[in-house]
Amino acid sequence: GWGLDPGYLCPPVPRSVAYVEAVAKLLCRRGVTGPVRCLDVGTGASGILAILAHKGLGWAVVGSDVDKEAEDHLHGVLEAAGINMEVRHQPDPNKIFENVVSKADVFDCCI
């Protein structure tokens, strides 16, 4: 079965769906068409936003987190769901994009 280790949370799915849909509407209003590439900062152990964006909207999502244990758990969740998603480790909790985003990266949105 699926579960989270103690100390990790998963935001409510309906709220997470509404959030991802709101971002999709904003992108649409901005004229973003075609495949969307999204950076999920603080993906967490559940990866709920990244999974919803990927599975529900077909987005290419790159996750990032500072918590190595959460990342390890997330890799298991993604594998069980058959999702191939890159998860980048942020070694410095005081940084958001540095060490995670390279000059070659192009993202349509960040969640």
Foldseek 3Di string as FASTA:
>chain_A
DDDDDPPFDDPDLVVLLVVLVVVVVVLVVVVDDDAFEEEEWACFLQNNNVCCCCVVVVHQYEYEHQDPVSVVNNVVVCVVVVHDHHYAYDVDPVDTPPPPDDPPDDGSYYD
